[in-house]
Amino acid sequence: MTFSAAFQGGFIPDVILYLSYWYNTHDLPIRLAIFWTINYIADLITAFLAVGLLKMRGVHGKAGWQWMFLIEVRNNEPRAMRY
Protein backbone atom coordinates (compact mmCIF):
# COMPACT_ATOMS: atom_id res chain seq x y z
CA MET A 1 0.00 0.00 0.00
CA THR A 2 1.39 3.38 -0.96
CA PHE A 3 1.34 6.48 1.22
CA SER A 4 -1.38 8.15 -0.84
CA ALA A 5 -3.50 4.98 -0.92
CA ALA A 6 -3.68 5.01 2.86
CA PHE A 7 -5.44 8.38 2.73
CA GLN A 8 -7.74 7.47 -0.16
CA GLY A 9 -9.34 4.78 2.00
CA GLY A 10 -11.34 7.39 3.91
CA PHE A 11 -11.65 9.90 1.10
CA ILE A 12 -13.73 7.87 -1.33
CA PRO A 13 -16.53 6.86 1.09
CA ASP A 14 -16.71 10.48 2.23
CA VAL A 15 -17.09 11.69 -1.35
CA ILE A 16 -19.87 9.19 -2.00
CA LEU A 17 -21.68 10.24 1.17
CA TYR A 18 -21.25 13.93 0.35
CA LEU A 19 -22.55 13.47 -3.20
CA SER A 20 -25.56 11.54 -1.88
CA TYR A 21 -26.65 14.69 -0.02
CA TRP A 22 -26.87 16.69 -3.25
CA TYR A 23 -28.04 14.28 -5.95
CA ASN A 24 -31.13 12.10 -6.18
CA THR A 25 -31.11 8.37 -6.92
CA HIS A 26 -31.22 8.95 -10.68
CA ASP A 27 -28.35 11.45 -10.88
CA LEU A 28 -26.04 9.94 -8.25
CA PRO A 29 -24.82 6.95 -10.34
CA ILE A 30 -23.96 9.30 -13.21
CA ARG A 31 -21.99 11.61 -10.92
CA LEU A 32 -20.20 8.67 -9.33
CA ALA A 33 -19.28 7.32 -12.77
CA ILE A 34 -17.79 10.71 -13.63
CA PHE A 35 -15.91 10.73 -10.31
CA TRP A 36 -14.46 7.24 -10.83
CA THR A 37 -13.47 8.00 -14.41
CA ILE A 38 -11.64 11.17 -13.40
CA ASN A 39 -10.01 9.33 -10.48
CA TYR A 40 -8.61 6.59 -12.74
CA ILE A 41 -7.41 9.09 -15.34
CA ALA A 42 -5.65 11.12 -12.63
CA ASP A 43 -3.96 7.96 -11.30
CA LEU A 44 -2.79 7.07 -14.81
CA ILE A 45 -1.40 10.54 -15.52
CA THR A 46 0.32 10.67 -12.13
CA ALA A 47 2.00 7.31 -12.71
CA PHE A 48 3.39 8.41 -16.07
CA LEU A 49 4.59 11.71 -14.59
CA ALA A 50 6.32 9.88 -11.73
CA VAL A 51 8.14 7.58 -14.15
CA GLY A 52 9.22 10.53 -16.28
CA LEU A 53 10.44 12.51 -13.29
CA LEU A 54 12.37 9.57 -11.87
CA LYS A 55 14.09 9.13 -15.25
CA MET A 56 15.50 12.66 -14.87
CA ARG A 57 18.22 11.29 -12.58
CA GLY A 58 21.51 13.03 -13.19
CA VAL A 59 20.03 16.19 -14.73
CA HIS A 60 21.75 19.17 -13.08
CA GLY A 61 23.28 16.78 -10.54
CA LYS A 62 20.00 15.83 -8.88
CA ALA A 63 18.49 12.39 -8.37
CA GLY A 64 15.11 11.52 -9.85
CA TRP A 65 13.35 11.57 -6.50
CA GLN A 66 14.72 15.07 -5.88
CA TRP A 67 13.20 16.27 -9.15
CA MET A 68 9.88 14.72 -8.19
CA PHE A 69 9.96 16.42 -4.80
CA LEU A 70 10.95 19.82 -6.25
CA ILE A 71 8.23 19.80 -8.90
CA GLU A 72 5.51 18.63 -6.50
CA VAL A 73 6.49 21.25 -3.93
CA ARG A 74 6.62 23.96 -6.57
CA ASN A 75 3.11 23.04 -7.76
CA ASN A 76 1.61 22.91 -4.26
CA GLU A 77 3.46 25.75 -2.57
CA PRO A 78 1.31 28.59 -4.01
CA ARG A 79 -1.83 26.80 -2.81
CA ALA A 80 -0.39 26.35 0.68
CA MET A 81 0.65 30.00 0.89
CA ARG A 82 -2.94 31.15 0.41
CA TYR A 83 -4.01 29.56 3.70
PDB file of N, CA and C in Angstrom:
ATOM      1  N   MET A   1       0.839  -1.165   0.000  1.00  0.00           N
ATOM      2  CA  MET A   1       0.000   0.000   0.000  1.00  0.00           C
ATOM      3  C   MET A   1       0.891   1.238   0.000  1.00  0.00           C
ATOM      4  N   THR A   2       0.597   2.160  -0.882  1.00  0.00           N
ATOM      5  CA  THR A   2       1.393   3.381  -0.959  1.00  0.00           C
ATOM      6  C   THR A   2       0.899   4.397   0.073  1.00  0.00           C
ATOM      7  N   PHE A   3       1.682   5.437   0.250  1.00  0.00           N
ATOM      8  CA  PHE A   3       1.338   6.481   1.218  1.00  0.00           C
ATOM      9  C   PHE A   3       0.025   7.156   0.846  1.00  0.00           C
ATOM     10  N   SER A   4      -0.153   7.478  -0.431  1.00  0.00           N
ATOM     11  CA  SER A   4      -1.384   8.152  -0.845  1.00  0.00           C
ATOM     12  C   SER A   4      -2.585   7.221  -0.782  1.00  0.00           C
ATOM     13  N   ALA A   5      -2.388   5.919  -0.986  1.00  0.00           N
ATOM     14  CA  ALA A   5      -3.502   4.977  -0.920  1.00  0.00           C
ATOM     15  C   ALA A   5      -4.047   4.859   0.494  1.00  0.00           C
ATOM     16  N   ALA A   6      -3.206   5.072   1.484  1.00  0.00           N
ATOM     17  CA  ALA A   6      -3.676   5.010   2.863  1.00  0.00           C
ATOM     18  C   ALA A   6      -4.672   6.117   3.155  1.00  0.00           C
ATOM     19  N   PHE A   7      -4.520   7.276   2.515  1.00  0.00           N
ATOM     20  CA  PHE A   7      -5.444   8.377   2.732  1.00  0.00           C
ATOM     21  C   PHE A   7      -6.668   8.307   1.827  1.00  0.00           C
ATOM     22  N   GLN A   8      -6.588   7.606   0.713  1.00  0.00           N
ATOM     23  CA  GLN A   8      -7.745   7.471  -0.159  1.00  0.00           C
ATOM     24  C   GLN A   8      -8.788   6.547   0.441  1.00  0.00           C
ATOM     25  N   GLY A   9      -8.401   5.704   1.387  1.00  0.00           N
ATOM     26  CA  GLY A   9      -9.338   4.783   2.003  1.00  0.00           C
ATOM     27  C   GLY A   9     -10.498   5.498   2.673  1.00  0.00           C
ATOM     28  N   GLY A  10     -10.268   6.628   3.285  1.00  0.00           N
ATOM     29  CA  GLY A  10     -11.339   7.394   3.908  1.00  0.00           C
ATOM     30  C   GLY A  10     -11.921   8.451   3.005  1.00  0.00           C
ATOM     31  N   PHE A  11     -11.200   8.822   1.980  1.00  0.00           N
ATOM     32  CA  PHE A  11     -11.646   9.899   1.105  1.00  0.00           C
ATOM     33  C   PHE A  11     -12.816   9.467   0.221  1.00  0.00           C
ATOM     34  N   ILE A  12     -12.726   8.296  -0.361  1.00  0.00           N
ATOM     35  CA  ILE A  12     -13.731   7.865  -1.329  1.00  0.00           C
ATOM     36  C   ILE A  12     -15.101   7.646  -0.679  1.00  0.00           C
ATOM     37  N   PRO A  13     -15.207   6.957   0.467  1.00  0.00           N
ATOM     38  CA  PRO A  13     -16.534   6.864   1.088  1.00  0.00           C
ATOM     39  C   PRO A  13     -17.104   8.223   1.484  1.00  0.00           C
ATOM     40  N   ASP A  14     -16.236   9.141   1.891  1.00  0.00           N
ATOM     41  CA  ASP A  14     -16.714  10.477   2.229  1.00  0.00           C
ATOM     42  C   ASP A  14     -17.256  11.203   1.009  1.00  0.00           C
ATOM     43  N   VAL A  15     -16.616  11.048  -0.130  1.00  0.00           N
ATOM     44  CA  VAL A  15     -17.095  11.686  -1.354  1.00  0.00           C
ATOM     45  C   VAL A  15     -18.457  11.114  -1.755  1.00  0.00           C
ATOM     46  N   ILE A  16     -18.599   9.809  -1.643  1.00  0.00           N
ATOM     47  CA  ILE A  16     -19.873   9.188  -1.996  1.00  0.00           C
ATOM     48  C   ILE A  16     -20.978   9.681  -1.064  1.00  0.00           C
ATOM     49  N   LEU A  17     -20.691   9.735   0.221  1.00  0.00           N
ATOM     50  CA  LEU A  17     -21.684  10.237   1.173  1.00  0.00           C
ATOM     51  C   LEU A  17     -22.022  11.694   0.892  1.00  0.00           C
ATOM     52  N   TYR A  18     -21.015  12.508   0.629  1.00  0.00           N
ATOM     53  CA  TYR A  18     -21.252  13.925   0.350  1.00  0.00           C
ATOM     54  C   TYR A  18     -22.085  14.106  -0.914  1.00  0.00           C
ATOM     55  N   LEU A  19     -21.774  13.352  -1.962  1.00  0.00           N
ATOM     56  CA  LEU A  19     -22.550  13.467  -3.195  1.00  0.00           C
ATOM     57  C   LEU A  19     -23.989  12.983  -3.007  1.00  0.00           C
ATOM     58  N   SER A  20     -24.200  12.032  -2.103  1.00  0.00           N
ATOM     59  CA  SER A  20     -25.560  11.537  -1.879  1.00  0.00           C
ATOM     60  C   SER A  20     -26.449  12.592  -1.219  1.00  0.00           C
ATOM     61  N   TYR A  21     -25.863  13.603  -0.586  1.00  0.00           N
ATOM     62  CA  TYR A  21     -26.653  14.693  -0.016  1.00  0.00           C
ATOM     63  C   TYR A  21     -27.207  15.616  -1.101  1.00  0.00           C
ATOM     64  N   TRP A  22     -26.514  15.700  -2.237  1.00  0.00           N
ATOM     65  CA  TRP A  22     -26.865  16.694  -3.247  1.00  0.00           C
ATOM     66  C   TRP A  22     -27.595  16.139  -4.458  1.00  0.00           C
ATOM     67  N   TYR A  23     -27.447  14.843  -4.738  1.00  0.00           N
ATOM     68  CA  TYR A  23     -28.039  14.284  -5.952  1.00  0.00           C
ATOM     69  C   TYR A  23     -29.046  13.199  -5.600  1.00  0.00           C
ATOM     70  N   ASN A  24     -30.104  13.114  -6.420  1.00  0.00           N
ATOM     71  CA  ASN A  24     -31.127  12.102  -6.183  1.00  0.00           C
ATOM     72  C   ASN A  24     -30.660  10.746  -6.706  1.00  0.00           C
ATOM     73  N   THR A  25     -31.508   9.733  -6.567  1.00  0.00           N
ATOM     74  CA  THR A  25     -31.111   8.366  -6.922  1.00  0.00           C
ATOM     75  C   THR A  25     -30.899   8.181  -8.422  1.00  0.00           C
ATOM     76  N   HIS A  26     -31.456   9.057  -9.228  1.00  0.00           N
ATOM     77  CA  HIS A  26     -31.223   8.952 -10.676  1.00  0.00           C
ATOM     78  C   HIS A  26     -29.899   9.588 -11.084  1.00  0.00           C
ATOM     79  N   ASP A  27     -29.562  10.716 -10.491  1.00  0.00           N
ATOM     80  CA  ASP A  27     -28.352  11.446 -10.876  1.00  0.00           C
ATOM     81  C   ASP A  27     -27.085  10.949 -10.183  1.00  0.00           C
ATOM     82  N   LEU A  28     -27.218  10.348  -9.015  1.00  0.00           N
ATOM     83  CA  LEU A  28     -26.043   9.940  -8.250  1.00  0.00           C
ATOM     84  C   LEU A  28     -25.165   8.930  -8.990  1.00  0.00           C
ATOM     85  N   PRO A  29     -25.709   7.874  -9.614  1.00  0.00           N
ATOM     86  CA  PRO A  29     -24.815   6.954 -10.339  1.00  0.00           C
ATOM     87  C   PRO A  29     -24.047   7.615 -11.473  1.00  0.00           C
ATOM     88  N   ILE A  30     -24.648   8.587 -12.131  1.00  0.00           N
ATOM     89  CA  ILE A  30     -23.963   9.301 -13.213  1.00  0.00           C
ATOM     90  C   ILE A  30     -22.803  10.118 -12.643  1.00  0.00           C
ATOM     91  N   ARG A  31     -23.056  10.808 -11.546  1.00  0.00           N
ATOM     92  CA  ARG A  31     -21.994  11.614 -10.920  1.00  0.00           C
ATOM     93  C   ARG A  31     -20.876  10.725 -10.389  1.00  0.00           C
ATOM     94  N   LEU A  32     -21.231   9.580  -9.825  1.00  0.00           N
ATOM     95  CA  LEU A  32     -20.199   8.669  -9.332  1.00  0.00           C
ATOM     96  C   LEU A  32     -19.386   8.080 -10.480  1.00  0.00           C
ATOM     97  N   ALA A  33     -20.025   7.812 -11.606  1.00  0.00           N
ATOM     98  CA  ALA A  33     -19.280   7.316 -12.771  1.00  0.00           C
ATOM     99  C   ALA A  33     -18.292   8.364 -13.256  1.00  0.00           C
ATOM    100  N   ILE A  34     -18.701   9.622 -13.255  1.00  0.00           N
ATOM    101  CA  ILE A  34     -17.786  10.706 -13.633  1.00  0.00           C
ATOM    102  C   ILE A  34     -16.629  10.788 -12.639  1.00  0.00           C
ATOM    103  N   PHE A  35     -16.942  10.684 -11.345  1.00  0.00           N
ATOM    104  CA  PHE A  35     -15.908  10.734 -10.313  1.00  0.00           C
ATOM    105  C   PHE A  35     -14.903   9.609 -10.493  1.00  0.00           C
ATOM    106  N   TRP A  36     -15.368   8.378 -10.690  1.00  0.00           N
ATOM    107  CA  TRP A  36     -14.458   7.241 -10.833  1.00  0.00           C
ATOM    108  C   TRP A  36     -13.622   7.353 -12.100  1.00  0.00           C
ATOM    109  N   THR A  37     -14.216   7.838 -13.170  1.00  0.00           N
ATOM    110  CA  THR A  37     -13.466   8.005 -14.415  1.00  0.00           C
ATOM    111  C   THR A  37     -12.342   9.020 -14.236  1.00  0.00           C
ATOM    112  N   ILE A  38     -12.657  10.144 -13.629  1.00  0.00           N
ATOM    113  CA  ILE A  38     -11.641  11.172 -13.400  1.00  0.00           C
ATOM    114  C   ILE A  38     -10.570  10.658 -12.440  1.00  0.00           C
ATOM    115  N   ASN A  39     -10.965   9.885 -11.436  1.00  0.00           N
ATOM    116  CA  ASN A  39     -10.012   9.331 -10.478  1.00  0.00           C
ATOM    117  C   ASN A  39      -9.021   8.394 -11.172  1.00  0.00           C
ATOM    118  N   TYR A  40      -9.511   7.511 -12.038  1.00  0.00           N
ATOM    119  CA  TYR A  40      -8.615   6.587 -12.741  1.00  0.00           C
ATOM    120  C   TYR A  40      -7.712   7.315 -13.731  1.00  0.00           C
ATOM    121  N   ILE A  41      -8.234   8.316 -14.407  1.00  0.00           N
ATOM    122  CA  ILE A  41      -7.414   9.088 -15.344  1.00  0.00           C
ATOM    123  C   ILE A  41      -6.313   9.838 -14.588  1.00  0.00           C
ATOM    124  N   ALA A  42      -6.655  10.415 -13.434  1.00  0.00           N
ATOM    125  CA  ALA A  42      -5.654  11.118 -12.635  1.00  0.00           C
ATOM    126  C   ALA A  42      -4.574  10.156 -12.141  1.00  0.00           C
ATOM    127  N   ASP A  43      -4.958   8.952 -11.725  1.00  0.00           N
ATOM    128  CA  ASP A  43      -3.963   7.959 -11.301  1.00  0.00           C
ATOM    129  C   ASP A  43      -3.037   7.582 -12.453  1.00  0.00           C
ATOM    130  N   LEU A  44      -3.592   7.437 -13.634  1.00  0.00           N
ATOM    131  CA  LEU A  44      -2.792   7.075 -14.806  1.00  0.00           C
ATOM    132  C   LEU A  44      -1.802   8.181 -15.162  1.00  0.00           C
ATOM    133  N   ILE A  45      -2.276   9.406 -15.192  1.00  0.00           N
ATOM    134  CA  ILE A  45      -1.402  10.537 -15.523  1.00  0.00           C
ATOM    135  C   ILE A  45      -0.304  10.688 -14.473  1.00  0.00           C
ATOM    136  N   THR A  46      -0.661  10.533 -13.199  1.00  0.00           N
ATOM    137  CA  THR A  46       0.317  10.672 -12.129  1.00  0.00           C
ATOM    138  C   THR A  46       1.398   9.605 -12.220  1.00  0.00           C
ATOM    139  N   ALA A  47       1.012   8.389 -12.583  1.00  0.00           N
ATOM    140  CA  ALA A  47       2.000   7.312 -12.711  1.00  0.00           C
ATOM    141  C   ALA A  47       2.992   7.616 -13.829  1.00  0.00           C
ATOM    142  N   PHE A  48       2.495   8.075 -14.963  1.00  0.00           N
ATOM    143  CA  PHE A  48       3.392   8.410 -16.070  1.00  0.00           C
ATOM    144  C   PHE A  48       4.297   9.582 -15.717  1.00  0.00           C
ATOM    145  N   LEU A  49       3.761  10.587 -15.017  1.00  0.00           N
ATOM    146  CA  LEU A  49       4.595  11.709 -14.594  1.00  0.00           C
ATOM    147  C   LEU A  49       5.677  11.263 -13.617  1.00  0.00           C
ATOM    148  N   ALA A  50       5.328  10.367 -12.702  1.00  0.00           N
ATOM    149  CA  ALA A  50       6.317   9.883 -11.732  1.00  0.00           C
ATOM    150  C   ALA A  50       7.444   9.135 -12.433  1.00  0.00           C
ATOM    151  N   VAL A  51       7.103   8.309 -13.411  1.00  0.00           N
ATOM    152  CA  VAL A  51       8.144   7.578 -14.153  1.00  0.00           C
ATOM    153  C   VAL A  51       9.040   8.559 -14.906  1.00  0.00           C
ATOM    154  N   GLY A  52       8.437   9.544 -15.545  1.00  0.00           N
ATOM    155  CA  GLY A  52       9.219  10.532 -16.277  1.00  0.00           C
ATOM    156  C   GLY A  52      10.129  11.340 -15.374  1.00  0.00           C
ATOM    157  N   LEU A  53       9.624  11.730 -14.209  1.00  0.00           N
ATOM    158  CA  LEU A  53      10.440  12.508 -13.286  1.00  0.00           C
ATOM    159  C   LEU A  53      11.569  11.677 -12.695  1.00  0.00           C
ATOM    160  N   LEU A  54      11.298  10.422 -12.413  1.00  0.00           N
ATOM    161  CA  LEU A  54      12.366   9.574 -11.868  1.00  0.00           C
ATOM    162  C   LEU A  54      13.441   9.278 -12.902  1.00  0.00           C
ATOM    163  N   LYS A  55      13.096   9.344 -14.191  1.00  0.00           N
ATOM    164  CA  LYS A  55      14.087   9.131 -15.249  1.00  0.00           C
ATOM    165  C   LYS A  55      14.981  10.357 -15.443  1.00  0.00           C
ATOM    166  N   MET A  56      14.683  11.451 -14.750  1.00  0.00           N
ATOM    167  CA  MET A  56      15.501  12.663 -14.865  1.00  0.00           C
ATOM    168  C   MET A  56      16.739  12.586 -13.985  1.00  0.00           C
ATOM    169  N   ARG A  57      17.069  11.415 -13.483  1.00  0.00           N
ATOM    170  CA  ARG A  57      18.224  11.291 -12.584  1.00  0.00           C
ATOM    171  C   ARG A  57      19.489  11.745 -13.314  1.00  0.00           C
ATOM    172  N   GLY A  58      20.266  12.537 -12.632  1.00  0.00           N
ATOM    173  CA  GLY A  58      21.513  13.034 -13.195  1.00  0.00           C
ATOM    174  C   GLY A  58      21.401  14.392 -13.863  1.00  0.00           C
ATOM    175  N   VAL A  59      20.205  14.872 -14.113  1.00  0.00           N
ATOM    176  CA  VAL A  59      20.032  16.185 -14.734  1.00  0.00           C
ATOM    177  C   VAL A  59      20.346  17.252 -13.679  1.00  0.00           C
ATOM    178  N   HIS A  60      21.279  18.120 -13.986  1.00  0.00           N
ATOM    179  CA  HIS A  60      21.747  19.174 -13.078  1.00  0.00           C
ATOM    180  C   HIS A  60      22.221  18.606 -11.746  1.00  0.00           C
ATOM    181  N   GLY A  61      22.703  17.374 -11.741  1.00  0.00           N
ATOM    182  CA  GLY A  61      23.276  16.777 -10.544  1.00  0.00           C
ATOM    183  C   GLY A  61      22.280  16.350  -9.487  1.00  0.00           C
ATOM    184  N   LYS A  62      21.021  16.226  -9.851  1.00  0.00           N
ATOM    185  CA  LYS A  62      19.999  15.829  -8.884  1.00  0.00           C
ATOM    186  C   LYS A  62      19.480  14.435  -9.219  1.00  0.00           C
ATOM    187  N   ALA A  63      19.081  13.710  -8.180  1.00  0.00           N
ATOM    188  CA  ALA A  63      18.487  12.393  -8.375  1.00  0.00           C
ATOM    189  C   ALA A  63      17.037  12.549  -8.839  1.00  0.00           C
ATOM    190  N   GLY A  64      16.483  11.474  -9.360  1.00  0.00           N
ATOM    191  CA  GLY A  64      15.107  11.521  -9.855  1.00  0.00           C
ATOM    192  C   GLY A  64      14.102  11.850  -8.779  1.00  0.00           C
ATOM    193  N   TRP A  65      14.293  11.286  -7.579  1.00  0.00           N
ATOM    194  CA  TRP A  65      13.349  11.567  -6.500  1.00  0.00           C
ATOM    195  C   TRP A  65      13.421  13.034  -6.073  1.00  0.00           C
ATOM    196  N   GLN A  66      14.602  13.655  -6.217  1.00  0.00           N
ATOM    197  CA  GLN A  66      14.721  15.072  -5.881  1.00  0.00           C
ATOM    198  C   GLN A  66      13.947  15.934  -6.872  1.00  0.00           C
ATOM    199  N   TRP A  67      13.983  15.556  -8.146  1.00  0.00           N
ATOM    200  CA  TRP A  67      13.201  16.274  -9.147  1.00  0.00           C
ATOM    201  C   TRP A  67      11.707  16.152  -8.854  1.00  0.00           C
ATOM    202  N   MET A  68      11.284  14.922  -8.495  1.00  0.00           N
ATOM    203  CA  MET A  68       9.875  14.721  -8.195  1.00  0.00           C
ATOM    204  C   MET A  68       9.452  15.587  -7.006  1.00  0.00           C
ATOM    205  N   PHE A  69      10.274  15.615  -5.973  1.00  0.00           N
ATOM    206  CA  PHE A  69       9.963  16.421  -4.801  1.00  0.00           C
ATOM    207  C   PHE A  69       9.916  17.908  -5.160  1.00  0.00           C
ATOM    208  N   LEU A  70      10.902  18.397  -5.897  1.00  0.00           N
ATOM    209  CA  LEU A  70      10.947  19.820  -6.250  1.00  0.00           C
ATOM    210  C   LEU A  70       9.738  20.246  -7.075  1.00  0.00           C
ATOM    211  N   ILE A  71       9.351  19.427  -8.036  1.00  0.00           N
ATOM    212  CA  ILE A  71       8.229  19.797  -8.896  1.00  0.00           C
ATOM    213  C   ILE A  71       6.913  19.717  -8.133  1.00  0.00           C
ATOM    214  N   GLU A  72       6.740  18.718  -7.285  1.00  0.00           N
ATOM    215  CA  GLU A  72       5.508  18.629  -6.500  1.00  0.00           C
ATOM    216  C   GLU A  72       5.407  19.775  -5.502  1.00  0.00           C
ATOM    217  N   VAL A  73       6.513  20.134  -4.873  1.00  0.00           N
ATOM    218  CA  VAL A  73       6.488  21.249  -3.928  1.00  0.00           C
ATOM    219  C   VAL A  73       6.211  22.553  -4.667  1.00  0.00           C
ATOM    220  N   ARG A  74       6.819  22.736  -5.807  1.00  0.00           N
ATOM    221  CA  ARG A  74       6.615  23.961  -6.569  1.00  0.00           C
ATOM    222  C   ARG A  74       5.167  24.098  -7.028  1.00  0.00           C
ATOM    223  N   ASN A  75       4.514  22.978  -7.348  1.00  0.00           N
ATOM    224  CA  ASN A  75       3.112  23.040  -7.759  1.00  0.00           C
ATOM    225  C   ASN A  75       2.178  23.294  -6.581  1.00  0.00           C
ATOM    226  N   ASN A  76       2.511  22.797  -5.402  1.00  0.00           N
ATOM    227  CA  ASN A  76       1.609  22.906  -4.258  1.00  0.00           C
ATOM    228  C   ASN A  76       1.912  24.078  -3.345  1.00  0.00           C
ATOM    229  N   GLU A  77       3.087  24.652  -3.457  1.00  0.00           N
ATOM    230  CA  GLU A  77       3.457  25.749  -2.567  1.00  0.00           C
ATOM    231  C   GLU A  77       2.549  26.970  -2.709  1.00  0.00           C
ATOM    232  N   PRO A  78       2.199  27.416  -3.925  1.00  0.00           N
ATOM    233  CA  PRO A  78       1.307  28.589  -4.014  1.00  0.00           C
ATOM    234  C   PRO A  78      -0.052  28.340  -3.368  1.00  0.00           C
ATOM    235  N   ARG A  79      -0.549  27.108  -3.455  1.00  0.00           N
ATOM    236  CA  ARG A  79      -1.826  26.804  -2.807  1.00  0.00           C
ATOM    237  C   ARG A  79      -1.696  26.847  -1.299  1.00  0.00           C
ATOM    238  N   ALA A  80      -0.585  26.371  -0.772  1.00  0.00           N
ATOM    239  CA  ALA A  80      -0.388  26.353   0.675  1.00  0.00           C
ATOM    240  C   ALA A  80      -0.194  27.765   1.217  1.00  0.00           C
ATOM    241  N   MET A  81       0.394  28.631   0.426  1.00  0.00           N
ATOM    242  CA  MET A  81       0.647  30.000   0.893  1.00  0.00           C
ATOM    243  C   MET A  81      -0.630  30.812   1.018  1.00  0.00           C
ATOM    244  N   ARG A  82      -1.690  30.414   0.314  1.00  0.00           N
ATOM    245  CA  ARG A  82      -2.944  31.149   0.406  1.00  0.00           C
ATOM    246  C   ARG A  82      -3.633  30.949   1.747  1.00  0.00           C
ATOM    247  N   TYR A  83      -3.296  29.875   2.450  1.00  0.00           N
ATOM    248  CA  TYR A  83      -4.014  29.559   3.695  1.00  0.00           C
ATOM    249  C   TYR A  83      -3.251  29.953   4.894  1.00  0.00           C
TER     250      TYR A  83
END
